[in-house]
Amino acid sequence: MSNLSNLPNIGVELEKQLAAVGITTVVELKSIGSREAWLRIYQQDPSACFMRLCALEGAIQGIRWHNLDRETKDSLKEFYHKHKQ
């Protein structure tokens, strides 16, 4: 596929999901951002969870999602709950 799987947190399945929503490069993912990428995935896969959103943000930052700072996690959690139905 692409080099997305070279990023932290991006395995084969998440890379496939990203490709399915038109995100195939690291540049595209960084340009679109974790929130928009997650929303696109969520539209196709309603089981997209909070950890997937964190995984995308961690990938963009180049870190494991577990290491995201508290402020970022709180912001992502607020976004997640706002959009998750």
C-alpha atoms as a PDB file:
ATOM      1  CA  MET A   1       0.000   0.000   0.000  1.00  0.00           C
ATOM      2  CA  SER A   2       1.533   3.316   1.008  1.00  0.00           C
ATOM      3  CA  ASN A   3       4.017   4.458   3.582  1.00  0.00           C
ATOM      4  CA  LEU A   4       1.288   5.242   6.112  1.00  0.00           C
ATOM      5  CA  SER A   5       2.035   1.983   7.926  1.00  0.00           C
ATOM      6  CA  ASN A   6       5.497   3.344   8.675  1.00  0.00           C
ATOM      7  CA  LEU A   7       3.866   5.800  11.071  1.00  0.00           C
ATOM      8  CA  PRO A   8       3.294   4.875  14.711  1.00  0.00           C
ATOM      9  CA  ASN A   9      -0.173   3.419  15.390  1.00  0.00           C
ATOM     10  CA  ILE A  10      -0.978   2.733  11.723  1.00  0.00           C
ATOM     11  CA  GLY A  11      -1.311  -0.966  11.028  1.00  0.00           C
ATOM     12  CA  VAL A  12      -2.495  -2.704   7.907  1.00  0.00           C
ATOM     13  CA  GLU A  13      -6.199  -2.411   8.719  1.00  0.00           C
ATOM     14  CA  LEU A  14      -6.120   1.297   9.580  1.00  0.00           C
ATOM     15  CA  GLU A  15      -4.038   1.935   6.482  1.00  0.00           C
ATOM     16  CA  LYS A  16      -6.726   0.166   4.417  1.00  0.00           C
ATOM     17  CA  GLN A  17      -9.431   2.273   6.049  1.00  0.00           C
ATOM     18  CA  LEU A  18      -7.519   5.451   5.296  1.00  0.00           C
ATOM     19  CA  ALA A  19      -7.070   4.407   1.667  1.00  0.00           C
ATOM     20  CA  ALA A  20     -10.787   3.650   1.414  1.00  0.00           C
ATOM     21  CA  VAL A  21     -11.566   7.242   2.370  1.00  0.00           C
ATOM     22  CA  GLY A  22      -9.005   8.729   0.000  1.00  0.00           C
ATOM     23  CA  ILE A  23      -6.045   9.203   2.329  1.00  0.00           C
ATOM     24  CA  THR A  24      -3.055   7.369   0.900  1.00  0.00           C
ATOM     25  CA  THR A  25       0.010   9.374   1.909  1.00  0.00           C
ATOM     26  CA  VAL A  26       1.536  10.807   5.055  1.00  0.00           C
ATOM     27  CA  VAL A  27       1.271  14.292   3.546  1.00  0.00           C
ATOM     28  CA  GLU A  28      -2.462  13.817   2.944  1.00  0.00           C
ATOM     29  CA  LEU A  29      -3.035  12.551   6.474  1.00  0.00           C
ATOM     30  CA  LYS A  30      -1.149  15.468   8.005  1.00  0.00           C
ATOM     31  CA  SER A  31      -2.946  17.946   5.759  1.00  0.00           C
ATOM     32  CA  ILE A  32      -6.393  16.540   6.520  1.00  0.00           C
ATOM     33  CA  GLY A  33      -5.743  16.043  10.216  1.00  0.00           C
ATOM     34  CA  SER A  34      -6.791  13.341  12.635  1.00  0.00           C
ATOM     35  CA  ARG A  35     -10.292  14.643  13.232  1.00  0.00           C
ATOM     36  CA  GLU A  36     -11.312  14.845   9.576  1.00  0.00           C
ATOM     37  CA  ALA A  37      -9.639  11.511   8.823  1.00  0.00           C
ATOM     38  CA  TRP A  38     -11.556   9.906  11.696  1.00  0.00           C
ATOM     39  CA  LEU A  39     -14.849  11.436  10.537  1.00  0.00           C
ATOM     40  CA  ARG A  40     -14.315   9.991   7.067  1.00  0.00           C
ATOM     41  CA  ILE A  41     -13.580   6.567   8.522  1.00  0.00           C
ATOM     42  CA  TYR A  42     -16.530   6.823  10.915  1.00  0.00           C
ATOM     43  CA  GLN A  43     -18.917   7.482   8.020  1.00  0.00           C
ATOM     44  CA  GLN A  44     -17.914   4.114   6.550  1.00  0.00           C
ATOM     45  CA  ASP A  45     -17.336   2.272   9.825  1.00  0.00           C
ATOM     46  CA  PRO A  46     -19.588   3.346  12.719  1.00  0.00           C
ATOM     47  CA  SER A  47     -17.503   1.200  15.072  1.00  0.00           C
ATOM     48  CA  ALA A  48     -14.606   3.680  14.751  1.00  0.00           C
ATOM     49  CA  CYS A  49     -13.624   4.243  18.363  1.00  0.00           C
ATOM     50  CA  PHE A  50     -11.866   6.878  20.428  1.00  0.00           C
ATOM     51  CA  MET A  51      -8.607   4.920  20.327  1.00  0.00           C
ATOM     52  CA  ARG A  52      -8.665   5.044  16.525  1.00  0.00           C
ATOM     53  CA  LEU A  53      -8.957   8.830  16.693  1.00  0.00           C
ATOM     54  CA  CYS A  54      -6.036   8.933  19.127  1.00  0.00           C
ATOM     55  CA  ALA A  55      -4.048   6.571  16.904  1.00  0.00           C
ATOM     56  CA  LEU A  56      -4.482   8.954  13.982  1.00  0.00           C
ATOM     57  CA  GLU A  57      -3.389  11.962  16.043  1.00  0.00           C
ATOM     58  CA  GLY A  58      -0.407  10.069  17.411  1.00  0.00           C
ATOM     59  CA  ALA A  59       0.577   9.039  13.892  1.00  0.00           C
ATOM     60  CA  ILE A  60       0.492  12.671  12.796  1.00  0.00           C
ATOM     61  CA  GLN A  61       2.618  13.680  15.779  1.00  0.00           C
ATOM     62  CA  GLY A  62       4.955  10.734  15.241  1.00  0.00           C
ATOM     63  CA  ILE A  63       4.299   9.161  18.650  1.00  0.00           C
ATOM     64  CA  ARG A  64       2.413   6.215  20.109  1.00  0.00           C
ATOM     65  CA  TRP A  65      -1.115   7.324  20.932  1.00  0.00           C
ATOM     66  CA  HIS A  66      -0.580   6.375  24.587  1.00  0.00           C
ATOM     67  CA  ASN A  67       1.957   9.193  24.796  1.00  0.00           C
ATOM     68  CA  LEU A  68      -0.354  11.993  23.665  1.00  0.00           C
ATOM     69  CA  ASP A  69      -0.435  14.773  26.236  1.00  0.00           C
ATOM     70  CA  ARG A  70      -3.481  15.093  28.483  1.00  0.00           C
ATOM     71  CA  GLU A  71      -4.703  18.310  26.809  1.00  0.00           C
ATOM     72  CA  THR A  72      -4.688  16.658  23.387  1.00  0.00           C
ATOM     73  CA  LYS A  73      -6.479  13.565  24.685  1.00  0.00           C
ATOM     74  CA  ASP A  74      -9.107  15.716  26.401  1.00  0.00           C
ATOM     75  CA  SER A  75      -9.658  17.725  23.224  1.00  0.00           C
ATOM     76  CA  LEU A  76      -9.962  14.553  21.163  1.00  0.00           C
ATOM     77  CA  LYS A  77     -12.371  13.048  23.689  1.00  0.00           C
ATOM     78  CA  GLU A  78     -14.594  16.127  23.492  1.00  0.00           C
ATOM     79  CA  PHE A  79     -14.555  15.932  19.675  1.00  0.00           C
ATOM     80  CA  TYR A  80     -15.287  12.201  19.763  1.00  0.00           C
ATOM     81  CA  HIS A  81     -18.294  12.532  22.055  1.00  0.00           C
ATOM     82  CA  LYS A  82     -19.645  15.402  19.979  1.00  0.00           C
ATOM     83  CA  HIS A  83     -19.606  13.321  16.788  1.00  0.00           C
ATOM     84  CA  LYS A  84     -20.202   9.753  17.989  1.00  0.00           C
ATOM     85  CA  GLN A  85     -23.885   8.883  17.754  1.00  0.00           C
END
